[in-house]
């Protein structure tokens, strides 16, 4: 399966990775690559837990346009 992830650096310099289509699926790392590797593992674990609990594996995400 392929998932869209987001990675950003927080105020302490840690890189935070999230998978928007899996609620609560978040990880971190000292570098962007660490964060990406860690979120891959987190995604696998989140999917396993959601499957065990009979929850939908993912939620629907949409792209919206906002004027600023």
PDB file of N, CA and C in Angstrom:
ATOM      1  N   UNK A   1       0.842  -1.177   0.000  1.00  0.00           N
ATOM      2  CA  UNK A   1       0.000   0.000   0.000  1.00  0.00           C
ATOM      3  C   UNK A   1       0.890   1.244   0.000  1.00  0.00           C
ATOM      4  N   UNK A   2       0.399   2.293  -0.608  1.00  0.00           N
ATOM      5  CA  UNK A   2       1.115   3.571  -0.620  1.00  0.00           C
ATOM      6  C   UNK A   2       0.333   4.586   0.204  1.00  0.00           C
ATOM      7  N   UNK A   3       1.060   5.387   0.966  1.00  0.00           N
ATOM      8  CA  UNK A   3       0.443   6.396   1.810  1.00  0.00           C
ATOM      9  C   UNK A   3       1.146   7.727   1.648  1.00  0.00           C
ATOM     10  N   UNK A   4       0.374   8.792   1.714  1.00  0.00           N
ATOM     11  CA  UNK A   4       0.917  10.145   1.744  1.00  0.00           C
ATOM     12  C   UNK A   4       1.325  10.423   3.182  1.00  0.00           C
ATOM     13  N   UNK A   5       2.518  10.988   3.371  1.00  0.00           N
ATOM     14  CA  UNK A   5       2.953  11.371   4.709  1.00  0.00           C
ATOM     15  C   UNK A   5       3.352  12.839   4.698  1.00  0.00           C
ATOM     16  N   UNK A   6       3.359  13.432   5.867  1.00  0.00           N
ATOM     17  CA  UNK A   6       3.876  14.788   6.020  1.00  0.00           C
ATOM     18  C   UNK A   6       5.052  14.728   6.983  1.00  0.00           C
ATOM     19  N   UNK A   7       6.045  15.578   6.751  1.00  0.00           N
ATOM     20  CA  UNK A   7       7.202  15.669   7.651  1.00  0.00           C
ATOM     21  C   UNK A   7       7.491  17.149   7.874  1.00  0.00           C
ATOM     22  N   UNK A   8       7.638  17.514   9.142  1.00  0.00           N
ATOM     23  CA  UNK A   8       8.011  18.890   9.468  1.00  0.00           C
ATOM     24  C   UNK A   8       8.951  18.872  10.654  1.00  0.00           C
ATOM     25  N   UNK A   9       9.711  19.935  10.804  1.00  0.00           N
ATOM     26  CA  UNK A   9      10.648  20.047  11.917  1.00  0.00           C
ATOM     27  C   UNK A   9      10.012  20.887  13.014  1.00  0.00           C
ATOM     28  N   UNK A  10      10.003  20.365  14.235  1.00  0.00           N
ATOM     29  CA  UNK A  10       9.393  21.120  15.329  1.00  0.00           C
ATOM     30  C   UNK A  10      10.388  22.114  15.932  1.00  0.00           C
ATOM     31  N   UNK A  11       9.944  22.823  16.954  1.00  0.00           N
ATOM     32  CA  UNK A  11      10.757  23.887  17.541  1.00  0.00           C
ATOM     33  C   UNK A  11      12.023  23.366  18.230  1.00  0.00           C
ATOM     34  N   UNK A  12      12.073  22.064  18.526  1.00  0.00           N
ATOM     35  CA  UNK A  12      13.257  21.465  19.145  1.00  0.00           C
ATOM     36  C   UNK A  12      14.202  20.840  18.115  1.00  0.00           C
ATOM     37  N   UNK A  13      13.850  20.955  16.832  1.00  0.00           N
ATOM     38  CA  UNK A  13      14.701  20.409  15.781  1.00  0.00           C
ATOM     39  C   UNK A  13      14.405  18.973  15.408  1.00  0.00           C
ATOM     40  N   UNK A  14      13.415  18.371  16.055  1.00  0.00           N
ATOM     41  CA  UNK A  14      13.032  16.991  15.765  1.00  0.00           C
ATOM     42  C   UNK A  14      12.109  16.989  14.549  1.00  0.00           C
ATOM     43  N   UNK A  15      12.269  15.995  13.687  1.00  0.00           N
ATOM     44  CA  UNK A  15      11.398  15.866  12.520  1.00  0.00           C
ATOM     45  C   UNK A  15      10.212  14.978  12.883  1.00  0.00           C
ATOM     46  N   UNK A  16       9.023  15.508  12.658  1.00  0.00           N
ATOM     47  CA  UNK A  16       7.777  14.810  12.973  1.00  0.00           C
ATOM     48  C   UNK A  16       7.158  14.325  11.668  1.00  0.00           C
ATOM     49  N   UNK A  17       6.796  13.048  11.616  1.00  0.00           N
ATOM     50  CA  UNK A  17       6.157  12.473  10.434  1.00  0.00           C
ATOM     51  C   UNK A  17       4.761  12.001  10.809  1.00  0.00           C
ATOM     52  N   UNK A  18       3.797  12.288   9.942  1.00  0.00           N
ATOM     53  CA  UNK A  18       2.415  11.885  10.172  1.00  0.00           C
ATOM     54  C   UNK A  18       1.846  11.260   8.910  1.00  0.00           C
ATOM     55  N   UNK A  19       0.905  10.353   9.106  1.00  0.00           N
ATOM     56  CA  UNK A  19       0.180   9.755   7.989  1.00  0.00           C
ATOM     57  C   UNK A  19      -1.283  10.190   8.127  1.00  0.00           C
ATOM     58  N   UNK A  20      -1.709  11.204   7.363  1.00  0.00           N
ATOM     59  CA  UNK A  20      -3.052  11.771   7.525  1.00  0.00           C
ATOM     60  C   UNK A  20      -4.203  10.770   7.331  1.00  0.00           C
ATOM     61  N   UNK A  21      -3.990   9.723   6.549  1.00  0.00           N
ATOM     62  CA  UNK A  21      -5.089   8.801   6.300  1.00  0.00           C
ATOM     63  C   UNK A  21      -5.246   7.744   7.393  1.00  0.00           C
ATOM     64  N   UNK A  22      -4.337   7.761   8.391  1.00  0.00           N
ATOM     65  CA  UNK A  22      -4.462   6.856   9.534  1.00  0.00           C
ATOM     66  C   UNK A  22      -4.430   7.717  10.804  1.00  0.00           C
ATOM     67  N   UNK A  23      -5.588   7.998  11.391  1.00  0.00           N
ATOM     68  CA  UNK A  23      -5.637   8.874  12.561  1.00  0.00           C
ATOM     69  C   UNK A  23      -4.695   8.406  13.672  1.00  0.00           C
ATOM     70  N   UNK A  24      -3.909   9.351  14.200  1.00  0.00           N
ATOM     71  CA  UNK A  24      -3.016   9.062  15.304  1.00  0.00           C
ATOM     72  C   UNK A  24      -1.705   8.404  14.913  1.00  0.00           C
ATOM     73  N   UNK A  25      -1.474   8.198  13.628  1.00  0.00           N
ATOM     74  CA  UNK A  25      -0.242   7.549  13.176  1.00  0.00           C
ATOM     75  C   UNK A  25       0.835   8.611  12.991  1.00  0.00           C
ATOM     76  N   UNK A  26       1.683   8.726  14.017  1.00  0.00           N
ATOM     77  CA  UNK A  26       2.708   9.767  14.069  1.00  0.00           C
ATOM     78  C   UNK A  26       4.014   9.137  14.538  1.00  0.00           C
ATOM     79  N   UNK A  27       5.124   9.630  14.034  1.00  0.00           N
ATOM     80  CA  UNK A  27       6.435   9.199  14.500  1.00  0.00           C
ATOM     81  C   UNK A  27       7.387  10.377  14.398  1.00  0.00           C
ATOM     82  N   UNK A  28       8.641  10.148  14.724  1.00  0.00           N
ATOM     83  CA  UNK A  28       9.622  11.233  14.688  1.00  0.00           C
ATOM     84  C   UNK A  28      11.003  10.673  14.429  1.00  0.00           C
ATOM     85  N   UNK A  29      11.963  11.573  14.224  1.00  0.00           N
ATOM     86  CA  UNK A  29      13.347  11.176  14.021  1.00  0.00           C
ATOM     87  C   UNK A  29      14.259  12.377  14.107  1.00  0.00           C
ATOM     88  N   UNK A  30      15.548  12.108  14.250  1.00  0.00           N
ATOM     89  CA  UNK A  30      16.533  13.188  14.320  1.00  0.00           C
ATOM     90  C   UNK A  30      16.750  13.842  12.960  1.00  0.00           C
ATOM     91  N   UNK A  31      16.509  13.071  11.883  1.00  0.00           N
ATOM     92  CA  UNK A  31      16.629  13.595  10.521  1.00  0.00           C
ATOM     93  C   UNK A  31      15.332  13.289   9.775  1.00  0.00           C
ATOM     94  N   UNK A  32      15.160  13.926   8.615  1.00  0.00           N
ATOM     95  CA  UNK A  32      13.977  13.627   7.804  1.00  0.00           C
ATOM     96  C   UNK A  32      13.943  12.153   7.427  1.00  0.00           C
ATOM     97  N   UNK A  33      15.108  11.592   7.076  1.00  0.00           N
ATOM     98  CA  UNK A  33      15.162  10.185   6.683  1.00  0.00           C
ATOM     99  C   UNK A  33      14.804   9.268   7.849  1.00  0.00           C
ATOM    100  N   UNK A  34      15.282   9.612   9.056  1.00  0.00           N
ATOM    101  CA  UNK A  34      14.909   8.839  10.245  1.00  0.00           C
ATOM    102  C   UNK A  34      13.404   8.878  10.456  1.00  0.00           C
ATOM    103  N   UNK A  35      12.834  10.068  10.334  1.00  0.00           N
ATOM    104  CA  UNK A  35      11.396  10.221  10.526  1.00  0.00           C
ATOM    105  C   UNK A  35      10.622   9.413   9.485  1.00  0.00           C
ATOM    106  N   UNK A  36      11.092   9.430   8.238  1.00  0.00           N
ATOM    107  CA  UNK A  36      10.421   8.657   7.190  1.00  0.00           C
ATOM    108  C   UNK A  36      10.514   7.158   7.474  1.00  0.00           C
ATOM    109  N   UNK A  37      11.683   6.697   7.859  1.00  0.00           N
ATOM    110  CA  UNK A  37      11.830   5.274   8.190  1.00  0.00           C
ATOM    111  C   UNK A  37      10.943   4.886   9.365  1.00  0.00           C
ATOM    112  N   UNK A  38      10.889   5.759  10.375  1.00  0.00           N
ATOM    113  CA  UNK A  38      10.085   5.469  11.557  1.00  0.00           C
ATOM    114  C   UNK A  38       8.591   5.476  11.261  1.00  0.00           C
ATOM    115  N   UNK A  39       8.131   6.371  10.376  1.00  0.00           N
ATOM    116  CA  UNK A  39       6.702   6.407  10.075  1.00  0.00           C
ATOM    117  C   UNK A  39       6.298   5.172   9.279  1.00  0.00           C
ATOM    118  N   UNK A  40       7.217   4.630   8.477  1.00  0.00           N
ATOM    119  CA  UNK A  40       6.925   3.374   7.769  1.00  0.00           C
ATOM    120  C   UNK A  40       6.578   2.269   8.772  1.00  0.00           C
ATOM    121  N   UNK A  41       7.385   2.162   9.819  1.00  0.00           N
ATOM    122  CA  UNK A  41       7.121   1.154  10.847  1.00  0.00           C
ATOM    123  C   UNK A  41       5.828   1.463  11.604  1.00  0.00           C
ATOM    124  N   UNK A  42       5.618   2.740  11.902  1.00  0.00           N
ATOM    125  CA  UNK A  42       4.401   3.140  12.619  1.00  0.00           C
ATOM    126  C   UNK A  42       3.160   2.814  11.796  1.00  0.00           C
ATOM    127  N   UNK A  43       3.231   3.034  10.487  1.00  0.00           N
ATOM    128  CA  UNK A  43       2.091   2.730   9.615  1.00  0.00           C
ATOM    129  C   UNK A  43       1.769   1.245   9.680  1.00  0.00           C
ATOM    130  N   UNK A  44       2.786   0.400   9.582  1.00  0.00           N
ATOM    131  CA  UNK A  44       2.568  -1.052   9.659  1.00  0.00           C
ATOM    132  C   UNK A  44       1.889  -1.420  10.973  1.00  0.00           C
ATOM    133  N   UNK A  45       2.407  -0.871  12.075  1.00  0.00           N
ATOM    134  CA  UNK A  45       1.848  -1.183  13.387  1.00  0.00           C
ATOM    135  C   UNK A  45       0.425  -0.656  13.541  1.00  0.00           C
ATOM    136  N   UNK A  46       0.174   0.562  13.062  1.00  0.00           N
ATOM    137  CA  UNK A  46      -1.172   1.136  13.148  1.00  0.00           C
ATOM    138  C   UNK A  46      -2.172   0.296  12.350  1.00  0.00           C
ATOM    139  N   UNK A  47      -1.766  -0.132  11.168  1.00  0.00           N
ATOM    140  CA  UNK A  47      -2.655  -0.958  10.342  1.00  0.00           C
ATOM    141  C   UNK A  47      -2.966  -2.282  11.028  1.00  0.00           C
ATOM    142  N   UNK A  48      -1.971  -2.887  11.658  1.00  0.00           N
ATOM    143  CA  UNK A  48      -2.190  -4.141  12.378  1.00  0.00           C
ATOM    144  C   UNK A  48      -3.193  -3.962  13.511  1.00  0.00           C
ATOM    145  N   UNK A  49      -3.013  -2.907  14.298  1.00  0.00           N
ATOM    146  CA  UNK A  49      -3.908  -2.650  15.435  1.00  0.00           C
ATOM    147  C   UNK A  49      -5.320  -2.374  14.946  1.00  0.00           C
ATOM    148  N   UNK A  50      -5.454  -1.542  13.907  1.00  0.00           N
ATOM    149  CA  UNK A  50      -6.780  -1.214  13.388  1.00  0.00           C
ATOM    150  C   UNK A  50      -7.468  -2.471  12.851  1.00  0.00           C
ATOM    151  N   UNK A  51      -6.714  -3.351  12.198  1.00  0.00           N
ATOM    152  CA  UNK A  51      -7.284  -4.597  11.674  1.00  0.00           C
ATOM    153  C   UNK A  51      -7.742  -5.495  12.821  1.00  0.00           C
ATOM    154  N   UNK A  52      -6.921  -5.620  13.858  1.00  0.00           N
ATOM    155  CA  UNK A  52      -7.270  -6.442  15.023  1.00  0.00           C
ATOM    156  C   UNK A  52      -8.543  -5.954  15.697  1.00  0.00           C
ATOM    157  N   UNK A  53      -8.731  -4.641  15.726  1.00  0.00           N
ATOM    158  CA  UNK A  53      -9.898  -4.061  16.396  1.00  0.00           C
ATOM    159  C   UNK A  53     -11.109  -3.971  15.474  1.00  0.00           C
ATOM    160  N   UNK A  54     -10.949  -4.393  14.228  1.00  0.00           N
ATOM    161  CA  UNK A  54     -12.067  -4.341  13.286  1.00  0.00           C
ATOM    162  C   UNK A  54     -12.380  -2.938  12.804  1.00  0.00           C
ATOM    163  N   UNK A  55     -11.427  -2.044  12.929  1.00  0.00           N
ATOM    164  CA  UNK A  55     -11.621  -0.659  12.493  1.00  0.00           C
ATOM    165  C   UNK A  55     -11.259  -0.553  11.014  1.00  0.00           C
ATOM    166  N   UNK A  56     -11.819   0.437  10.321  1.00  0.00           N
ATOM    167  CA  UNK A  56     -11.364   0.674   8.950  1.00  0.00           C
ATOM    168  C   UNK A  56      -9.860   0.985   8.990  1.00  0.00           C
ATOM    169  N   UNK A  57      -9.119   0.473   8.013  1.00  0.00           N
ATOM    170  CA  UNK A  57      -7.667   0.679   8.021  1.00  0.00           C
ATOM    171  C   UNK A  57      -7.296   2.136   7.841  1.00  0.00           C
ATOM    172  N   UNK A  58      -8.056   2.847   7.029  1.00  0.00           N
ATOM    173  CA  UNK A  58      -7.754   4.246   6.758  1.00  0.00           C
ATOM    174  C   UNK A  58      -9.039   5.067   6.785  1.00  0.00           C
ATOM    175  N   UNK A  59      -8.865   6.367   6.790  1.00  0.00           N
ATOM    176  CA  UNK A  59      -9.991   7.282   6.631  1.00  0.00           C
ATOM    177  C   UNK A  59      -9.802   8.030   5.319  1.00  0.00           C
ATOM    178  N   UNK A  60     -10.865   8.564   4.818  1.00  0.00           N
ATOM    179  CA  UNK A  60     -10.797   9.299   3.551  1.00  0.00           C
ATOM    180  C   UNK A  60     -10.160  10.673   3.781  1.00  0.00           C
ATOM    181  N   UNK A  61      -9.268  11.022   2.907  1.00  0.00           N
ATOM    182  CA  UNK A  61      -8.692  12.363   2.949  1.00  0.00           C
ATOM    183  C   UNK A  61      -9.050  13.075   1.663  1.00  0.00           C
ATOM    184  N   UNK A  62      -9.203  14.382   1.742  1.00  0.00           N
ATOM    185  CA  UNK A  62      -9.549  15.195   0.583  1.00  0.00           C
ATOM    186  C   UNK A  62      -8.615  16.393   0.511  1.00  0.00           C
ATOM    187  N   UNK A  63      -8.438  16.875  -0.671  1.00  0.00           N
ATOM    188  CA  UNK A  63      -7.677  18.099  -0.868  1.00  0.00           C
ATOM    189  C   UNK A  63      -8.702  19.205  -1.093  1.00  0.00           C
ATOM    190  N   UNK A  64      -8.555  20.311  -0.395  1.00  0.00           N
ATOM    191  CA  UNK A  64      -9.463  21.435  -0.564  1.00  0.00           C
ATOM    192  C   UNK A  64      -8.650  22.670  -0.907  1.00  0.00           C
ATOM    193  N   UNK A  65      -9.308  23.605  -1.559  1.00  0.00           N
ATOM    194  CA  UNK A  65      -8.659  24.864  -1.916  1.00  0.00           C
ATOM    195  C   UNK A  65      -9.153  25.958  -0.994  1.00  0.00           C
ATOM    196  N   UNK A  66      -8.230  26.731  -0.476  1.00  0.00           N
ATOM    197  CA  UNK A  66      -8.561  27.830   0.429  1.00  0.00           C
ATOM    198  C   UNK A  66      -7.856  29.079  -0.057  1.00  0.00           C
ATOM    199  N   UNK A  67      -8.601  30.173  -0.156  1.00  0.00           N
ATOM    200  CA  UNK A  67      -7.998  31.447  -0.542  1.00  0.00           C
ATOM    201  C   UNK A  67      -7.384  32.106   0.674  1.00  0.00           C
ATOM    202  N   UNK A  68      -6.179  32.656   0.500  1.00  0.00           N
ATOM    203  CA  UNK A  68      -5.513  33.329   1.610  1.00  0.00           C
ATOM    204  C   UNK A  68      -5.105  34.724   1.202  1.00  0.00           C
TER     205      UNK A  68
END
